[in-house]
Amino acid sequence: MDRGFLEVMANNVVVLTDACVKEGEVNVEKIRTEKDAAEKSLSGAVAVEEKEKAQAIIRRANIWLKLANK
């Protein structure tokens, strides 16, 4: 999972992150495939860790799809 920091001071915004994606570079098909797989995994998950991992993937996919307006 990518992580980072955002700082807002006056009229300036600073973003520190390990990775970024430019507009138009989101692979929507790949994100949808990952989301579908995570949803299937979630429905069959027994262990708490499995459920949490699948839920995190689904949340991330939803964010990426929203950013890509898909």
PDB file of N, CA and C in Angstrom:
ATOM      1  N   MET A   1       0.843  -1.173   0.000  1.00  0.00           N
ATOM      2  CA  MET A   1       0.000   0.000   0.000  1.00  0.00           C
ATOM      3  C   MET A   1       0.885   1.232   0.000  1.00  0.00           C
ATOM      4  N   ASP A   2       0.602   2.152  -0.878  1.00  0.00           N
ATOM      5  CA  ASP A   2       1.363   3.393  -0.944  1.00  0.00           C
ATOM      6  C   ASP A   2       0.940   4.311   0.194  1.00  0.00           C
ATOM      7  N   ARG A   3       1.909   4.993   0.747  1.00  0.00           N
ATOM      8  CA  ARG A   3       1.639   5.911   1.843  1.00  0.00           C
ATOM      9  C   ARG A   3       2.350   7.224   1.573  1.00  0.00           C
ATOM     10  N   GLY A   4       1.973   8.245   2.315  1.00  0.00           N
ATOM     11  CA  GLY A   4       2.627   9.526   2.141  1.00  0.00           C
ATOM     12  C   GLY A   4       2.110  10.545   3.126  1.00  0.00           C
ATOM     13  N   PHE A   5       2.554  11.763   2.946  1.00  0.00           N
ATOM     14  CA  PHE A   5       2.167  12.865   3.812  1.00  0.00           C
ATOM     15  C   PHE A   5       1.722  14.033   2.959  1.00  0.00           C
ATOM     16  N   LEU A   6       0.790  14.800   3.491  1.00  0.00           N
ATOM     17  CA  LEU A   6       0.307  15.999   2.836  1.00  0.00           C
ATOM     18  C   LEU A   6       0.373  17.125   3.849  1.00  0.00           C
ATOM     19  N   GLU A   7       0.980  18.240   3.439  1.00  0.00           N
ATOM     20  CA  GLU A   7       1.077  19.397   4.321  1.00  0.00           C
ATOM     21  C   GLU A   7       0.523  20.612   3.584  1.00  0.00           C
ATOM     22  N   VAL A   8      -0.383  21.328   4.254  1.00  0.00           N
ATOM     23  CA  VAL A   8      -0.957  22.533   3.686  1.00  0.00           C
ATOM     24  C   VAL A   8      -0.566  23.702   4.580  1.00  0.00           C
ATOM     25  N   MET A   9       0.092  24.691   3.966  1.00  0.00           N
ATOM     26  CA  MET A   9       0.509  25.890   4.686  1.00  0.00           C
ATOM     27  C   MET A   9       0.214  27.093   3.804  1.00  0.00           C
ATOM     28  N   ALA A  10      -0.645  27.979   4.301  1.00  0.00           N
ATOM     29  CA  ALA A  10      -1.044  29.165   3.542  1.00  0.00           C
ATOM     30  C   ALA A  10      -1.568  28.723   2.177  1.00  0.00           C
ATOM     31  N   ASN A  11      -0.924  29.143   1.101  1.00  0.00           N
ATOM     32  CA  ASN A  11      -1.361  28.783  -0.250  1.00  0.00           C
ATOM     33  C   ASN A  11      -0.496  27.706  -0.879  1.00  0.00           C
ATOM     34  N   ASN A  12       0.225  26.959  -0.069  1.00  0.00           N
ATOM     35  CA  ASN A  12       1.128  25.929  -0.582  1.00  0.00           C
ATOM     36  C   ASN A  12       0.713  24.554  -0.088  1.00  0.00           C
ATOM     37  N   VAL A  13       0.868  23.575  -0.963  1.00  0.00           N
ATOM     38  CA  VAL A  13       0.616  22.187  -0.605  1.00  0.00           C
ATOM     39  C   VAL A  13       1.869  21.396  -0.939  1.00  0.00           C
ATOM     40  N   VAL A  14       2.320  20.595   0.026  1.00  0.00           N
ATOM     41  CA  VAL A  14       3.487  19.737  -0.182  1.00  0.00           C
ATOM     42  C   VAL A  14       3.024  18.292  -0.012  1.00  0.00           C
ATOM     43  N   VAL A  15       3.344  17.455  -0.996  1.00  0.00           N
ATOM     44  CA  VAL A  15       3.001  16.039  -0.949  1.00  0.00           C
ATOM     45  C   VAL A  15       4.292  15.243  -0.967  1.00  0.00           C
ATOM     46  N   LEU A  16       4.457  14.389   0.021  1.00  0.00           N
ATOM     47  CA  LEU A  16       5.606  13.482   0.084  1.00  0.00           C
ATOM     48  C   LEU A  16       5.067  12.056  -0.019  1.00  0.00           C
ATOM     49  N   THR A  17       5.510  11.331  -1.026  1.00  0.00           N
ATOM     50  CA  THR A  17       5.019   9.982  -1.223  1.00  0.00           C
ATOM     51  C   THR A  17       6.086   9.134  -1.911  1.00  0.00           C
ATOM     52  N   ASP A  18       5.944   7.830  -1.782  1.00  0.00           N
ATOM     53  CA  ASP A  18       6.873   6.910  -2.432  1.00  0.00           C
ATOM     54  C   ASP A  18       6.529   6.692  -3.899  1.00  0.00           C
ATOM     55  N   ALA A  19       5.269   6.958  -4.251  1.00  0.00           N
ATOM     56  CA  ALA A  19       4.834   6.702  -5.626  1.00  0.00           C
ATOM     57  C   ALA A  19       3.734   7.683  -6.005  1.00  0.00           C
ATOM     58  N   CYS A  20       3.618   7.928  -7.291  1.00  0.00           N
ATOM     59  CA  CYS A  20       2.521   8.762  -7.784  1.00  0.00           C
ATOM     60  C   CYS A  20       2.176   8.305  -9.201  1.00  0.00           C
ATOM     61  N   VAL A  21       0.988   8.668  -9.624  1.00  0.00           N
ATOM     62  CA  VAL A  21       0.521   8.312 -10.960  1.00  0.00           C
ATOM     63  C   VAL A  21      -0.005   9.580 -11.610  1.00  0.00           C
ATOM     64  N   LYS A  22       0.411   9.814 -12.816  1.00  0.00           N
ATOM     65  CA  LYS A  22      -0.066  10.979 -13.553  1.00  0.00           C
ATOM     66  C   LYS A  22      -1.484  10.741 -14.046  1.00  0.00           C
ATOM     67  N   GLU A  23      -2.178  11.844 -14.270  1.00  0.00           N
ATOM     68  CA  GLU A  23      -3.527  11.763 -14.801  1.00  0.00           C
ATOM     69  C   GLU A  23      -3.519  10.970 -16.109  1.00  0.00           C
ATOM     70  N   GLY A  24      -4.445  10.060 -16.245  1.00  0.00           N
ATOM     71  CA  GLY A  24      -4.543   9.260 -17.456  1.00  0.00           C
ATOM     72  C   GLY A  24      -3.723   7.980 -17.419  1.00  0.00           C
ATOM     73  N   GLU A  25      -2.930   7.781 -16.372  1.00  0.00           N
ATOM     74  CA  GLU A  25      -2.097   6.583 -16.285  1.00  0.00           C
ATOM     75  C   GLU A  25      -2.721   5.461 -15.455  1.00  0.00           C
ATOM     76  N   VAL A  26      -3.918   5.657 -14.952  1.00  0.00           N
ATOM     77  CA  VAL A  26      -4.576   4.627 -14.157  1.00  0.00           C
ATOM     78  C   VAL A  26      -5.063   3.531 -15.089  1.00  0.00           C
ATOM     79  N   ASN A  27      -4.635   2.298 -14.812  1.00  0.00           N
ATOM     80  CA  ASN A  27      -5.048   1.153 -15.607  1.00  0.00           C
ATOM     81  C   ASN A  27      -6.381   0.645 -15.035  1.00  0.00           C
ATOM     82  N   VAL A  28      -7.475   1.176 -15.560  1.00  0.00           N
ATOM     83  CA  VAL A  28      -8.806   0.900 -15.031  1.00  0.00           C
ATOM     84  C   VAL A  28      -9.133  -0.588 -15.096  1.00  0.00           C
ATOM     85  N   GLU A  29      -8.784  -1.238 -16.180  1.00  0.00           N
ATOM     86  CA  GLU A  29      -9.074  -2.672 -16.327  1.00  0.00           C
ATOM     87  C   GLU A  29      -8.373  -3.476 -15.224  1.00  0.00           C
ATOM     88  N   LYS A  30      -7.112  -3.162 -14.973  1.00  0.00           N
ATOM     89  CA  LYS A  30      -6.354  -3.854 -13.931  1.00  0.00           C
ATOM     90  C   LYS A  30      -6.970  -3.608 -12.555  1.00  0.00           C
ATOM     91  N   ILE A  31      -7.367  -2.378 -12.278  1.00  0.00           N
ATOM     92  CA  ILE A  31      -7.964  -2.045 -10.981  1.00  0.00           C
ATOM     93  C   ILE A  31      -9.282  -2.789 -10.798  1.00  0.00           C
ATOM     94  N   ARG A  32     -10.095  -2.833 -11.847  1.00  0.00           N
ATOM     95  CA  ARG A  32     -11.373  -3.561 -11.750  1.00  0.00           C
ATOM     96  C   ARG A  32     -11.153  -5.056 -11.528  1.00  0.00           C
ATOM     97  N   THR A  33     -10.141  -5.612 -12.183  1.00  0.00           N
ATOM     98  CA  THR A  33      -9.829  -7.029 -12.009  1.00  0.00           C
ATOM     99  C   THR A  33      -9.394  -7.310 -10.573  1.00  0.00           C
ATOM    100  N   GLU A  34      -8.541  -6.440 -10.033  1.00  0.00           N
ATOM    101  CA  GLU A  34      -8.088  -6.595  -8.648  1.00  0.00           C
ATOM    102  C   GLU A  34      -9.253  -6.465  -7.674  1.00  0.00           C
ATOM    103  N   LYS A  35     -10.149  -5.522  -7.947  1.00  0.00           N
ATOM    104  CA  LYS A  35     -11.317  -5.337  -7.078  1.00  0.00           C
ATOM    105  C   LYS A  35     -12.219  -6.565  -7.107  1.00  0.00           C
ATOM    106  N   ASP A  36     -12.484  -7.086  -8.307  1.00  0.00           N
ATOM    107  CA  ASP A  36     -13.311  -8.286  -8.431  1.00  0.00           C
ATOM    108  C   ASP A  36     -12.710  -9.458  -7.668  1.00  0.00           C
ATOM    109  N   ALA A  37     -11.398  -9.641  -7.797  1.00  0.00           N
ATOM    110  CA  ALA A  37     -10.724 -10.736  -7.096  1.00  0.00           C
ATOM    111  C   ALA A  37     -10.816 -10.544  -5.586  1.00  0.00           C
ATOM    112  N   ALA A  38     -10.663  -9.314  -5.127  1.00  0.00           N
ATOM    113  CA  ALA A  38     -10.744  -9.040  -3.686  1.00  0.00           C
ATOM    114  C   ALA A  38     -12.157  -9.277  -3.159  1.00  0.00           C
ATOM    115  N   GLU A  39     -13.164  -8.921  -3.954  1.00  0.00           N
ATOM    116  CA  GLU A  39     -14.552  -9.158  -3.549  1.00  0.00           C
ATOM    117  C   GLU A  39     -14.837 -10.653  -3.431  1.00  0.00           C
ATOM    118  N   LYS A  40     -14.315 -11.440  -4.360  1.00  0.00           N
ATOM    119  CA  LYS A  40     -14.484 -12.898  -4.290  1.00  0.00           C
ATOM    120  C   LYS A  40     -13.747 -13.451  -3.073  1.00  0.00           C
ATOM    121  N   SER A  41     -12.552 -12.953  -2.837  1.00  0.00           N
ATOM    122  CA  SER A  41     -11.766 -13.380  -1.688  1.00  0.00           C
ATOM    123  C   SER A  41     -12.481 -13.039  -0.383  1.00  0.00           C
ATOM    124  N   LEU A  42     -13.072 -11.851  -0.340  1.00  0.00           N
ATOM    125  CA  LEU A  42     -13.779 -11.413   0.863  1.00  0.00           C
ATOM    126  C   LEU A  42     -14.971 -12.311   1.167  1.00  0.00           C
ATOM    127  N   SER A  43     -15.688 -12.708   0.133  1.00  0.00           N
ATOM    128  CA  SER A  43     -16.875 -13.546   0.347  1.00  0.00           C
ATOM    129  C   SER A  43     -16.520 -14.928   0.877  1.00  0.00           C
ATOM    130  N   GLY A  44     -15.298 -15.395   0.602  1.00  0.00           N
ATOM    131  CA  GLY A  44     -14.885 -16.712   1.082  1.00  0.00           C
ATOM    132  C   GLY A  44     -13.901 -16.664   2.231  1.00  0.00           C
ATOM    133  N   ALA A  45     -13.563 -15.459   2.674  1.00  0.00           N
ATOM    134  CA  ALA A  45     -12.551 -15.316   3.726  1.00  0.00           C
ATOM    135  C   ALA A  45     -13.082 -15.772   5.073  1.00  0.00           C
ATOM    136  N   VAL A  46     -12.218 -16.446   5.807  1.00  0.00           N
ATOM    137  CA  VAL A  46     -12.559 -16.896   7.151  1.00  0.00           C
ATOM    138  C   VAL A  46     -11.732 -16.113   8.171  1.00  0.00           C
ATOM    139  N   ALA A  47     -10.448 -16.005   7.940  1.00  0.00           N
ATOM    140  CA  ALA A  47      -9.551 -15.330   8.873  1.00  0.00           C
ATOM    141  C   ALA A  47      -9.750 -13.811   8.813  1.00  0.00           C
ATOM    142  N   VAL A  48      -9.612 -13.180   9.957  1.00  0.00           N
ATOM    143  CA  VAL A  48      -9.749 -11.730  10.049  1.00  0.00           C
ATOM    144  C   VAL A  48      -8.748 -11.030   9.142  1.00  0.00           C
ATOM    145  N   GLU A  49      -7.527 -11.545   9.086  1.00  0.00           N
ATOM    146  CA  GLU A  49      -6.483 -10.931   8.252  1.00  0.00           C
ATOM    147  C   GLU A  49      -6.862 -10.957   6.779  1.00  0.00           C
ATOM    148  N   GLU A  50      -7.444 -12.063   6.345  1.00  0.00           N
ATOM    149  CA  GLU A  50      -7.879 -12.185   4.950  1.00  0.00           C
ATOM    150  C   GLU A  50      -8.959 -11.155   4.630  1.00  0.00           C
ATOM    151  N   LYS A  51      -9.922 -11.012   5.541  1.00  0.00           N
ATOM    152  CA  LYS A  51     -11.007 -10.060   5.346  1.00  0.00           C
ATOM    153  C   LYS A  51     -10.473  -8.639   5.289  1.00  0.00           C
ATOM    154  N   GLU A  52      -9.572  -8.299   6.217  1.00  0.00           N
ATOM    155  CA  GLU A  52      -9.013  -6.948   6.266  1.00  0.00           C
ATOM    156  C   GLU A  52      -8.217  -6.628   5.012  1.00  0.00           C
ATOM    157  N   LYS A  53      -7.450  -7.594   4.526  1.00  0.00           N
ATOM    158  CA  LYS A  53      -6.659  -7.377   3.308  1.00  0.00           C
ATOM    159  C   LYS A  53      -7.576  -7.157   2.112  1.00  0.00           C
ATOM    160  N   ALA A  54      -8.601  -7.982   1.979  1.00  0.00           N
ATOM    161  CA  ALA A  54      -9.535  -7.842   0.862  1.00  0.00           C
ATOM    162  C   ALA A  54     -10.274  -6.510   0.942  1.00  0.00           C
ATOM    163  N   GLN A  55     -10.689  -6.113   2.136  1.00  0.00           N
ATOM    164  CA  GLN A  55     -11.386  -4.841   2.299  1.00  0.00           C
ATOM    165  C   GLN A  55     -10.484  -3.662   1.941  1.00  0.00           C
ATOM    166  N   ALA A  56      -9.213  -3.750   2.305  1.00  0.00           N
ATOM    167  CA  ALA A  56      -8.260  -2.687   1.971  1.00  0.00           C
ATOM    168  C   ALA A  56      -8.074  -2.577   0.458  1.00  0.00           C
ATOM    169  N   ILE A  57      -7.991  -3.718  -0.221  1.00  0.00           N
ATOM    170  CA  ILE A  57      -7.842  -3.716  -1.680  1.00  0.00           C
ATOM    171  C   ILE A  57      -9.081  -3.110  -2.332  1.00  0.00           C
ATOM    172  N   ILE A  58     -10.252  -3.437  -1.823  1.00  0.00           N
ATOM    173  CA  ILE A  58     -11.499  -2.904  -2.377  1.00  0.00           C
ATOM    174  C   ILE A  58     -11.573  -1.392  -2.168  1.00  0.00           C
ATOM    175  N   ARG A  59     -11.211  -0.931  -0.965  1.00  0.00           N
ATOM    176  CA  ARG A  59     -11.215   0.516  -0.697  1.00  0.00           C
ATOM    177  C   ARG A  59     -10.256   1.243  -1.637  1.00  0.00           C
ATOM    178  N   ARG A  60      -9.060   0.695  -1.789  1.00  0.00           N
ATOM    179  CA  ARG A  60      -8.067   1.310  -2.663  1.00  0.00           C
ATOM    180  C   ARG A  60      -8.557   1.337  -4.118  1.00  0.00           C
ATOM    181  N   ALA A  61      -9.136   0.239  -4.571  1.00  0.00           N
ATOM    182  CA  ALA A  61      -9.650   0.172  -5.937  1.00  0.00           C
ATOM    183  C   ALA A  61     -10.750   1.205  -6.152  1.00  0.00           C
ATOM    184  N   ASN A  62     -11.632   1.352  -5.179  1.00  0.00           N
ATOM    185  CA  ASN A  62     -12.704   2.340  -5.297  1.00  0.00           C
ATOM    186  C   ASN A  62     -12.145   3.756  -5.404  1.00  0.00           C
ATOM    187  N   ILE A  63     -11.099   4.038  -4.657  1.00  0.00           N
ATOM    188  CA  ILE A  63     -10.461   5.354  -4.725  1.00  0.00           C
ATOM    189  C   ILE A  63      -9.848   5.566  -6.105  1.00  0.00           C
ATOM    190  N   TRP A  64      -9.105   4.581  -6.602  1.00  0.00           N
ATOM    191  CA  TRP A  64      -8.479   4.699  -7.921  1.00  0.00           C
ATOM    192  C   TRP A  64      -9.531   4.893  -9.009  1.00  0.00           C
ATOM    193  N   LEU A  65     -10.618   4.128  -8.936  1.00  0.00           N
ATOM    194  CA  LEU A  65     -11.672   4.252  -9.955  1.00  0.00           C
ATOM    195  C   LEU A  65     -12.354   5.607  -9.871  1.00  0.00           C
ATOM    196  N   LYS A  66     -12.532   6.103  -8.666  1.00  0.00           N
ATOM    197  CA  LYS A  66     -13.126   7.439  -8.505  1.00  0.00           C
ATOM    198  C   LYS A  66     -12.185   8.499  -9.110  1.00  0.00           C
ATOM    199  N   LEU A  67     -10.898   8.363  -8.844  1.00  0.00           N
ATOM    200  CA  LEU A  67      -9.930   9.310  -9.387  1.00  0.00           C
ATOM    201  C   LEU A  67      -9.902   9.259 -10.913  1.00  0.00           C
ATOM    202  N   ALA A  68     -10.104   8.082 -11.459  1.00  0.00           N
ATOM    203  CA  ALA A  68     -10.103   7.917 -12.922  1.00  0.00           C
ATOM    204  C   ALA A  68     -11.471   8.245 -13.527  1.00  0.00           C
ATOM    205  N   ASN A  69     -12.424   8.588 -12.653  1.00  0.00           N
ATOM    206  CA  ASN A  69     -13.809   8.909 -13.090  1.00  0.00           C
ATOM    207  C   ASN A  69     -14.450   7.745 -13.819  1.00  0.00           C
ATOM    208  N   LYS A  70     -14.248   6.545 -13.306  1.00  0.00           N
ATOM    209  CA  LYS A  70     -14.826   5.352 -13.950  1.00  0.00           C
ATOM    210  C   LYS A  70     -15.757   4.645 -12.995  1.00  0.00           C
TER     211      LYS A  70
END
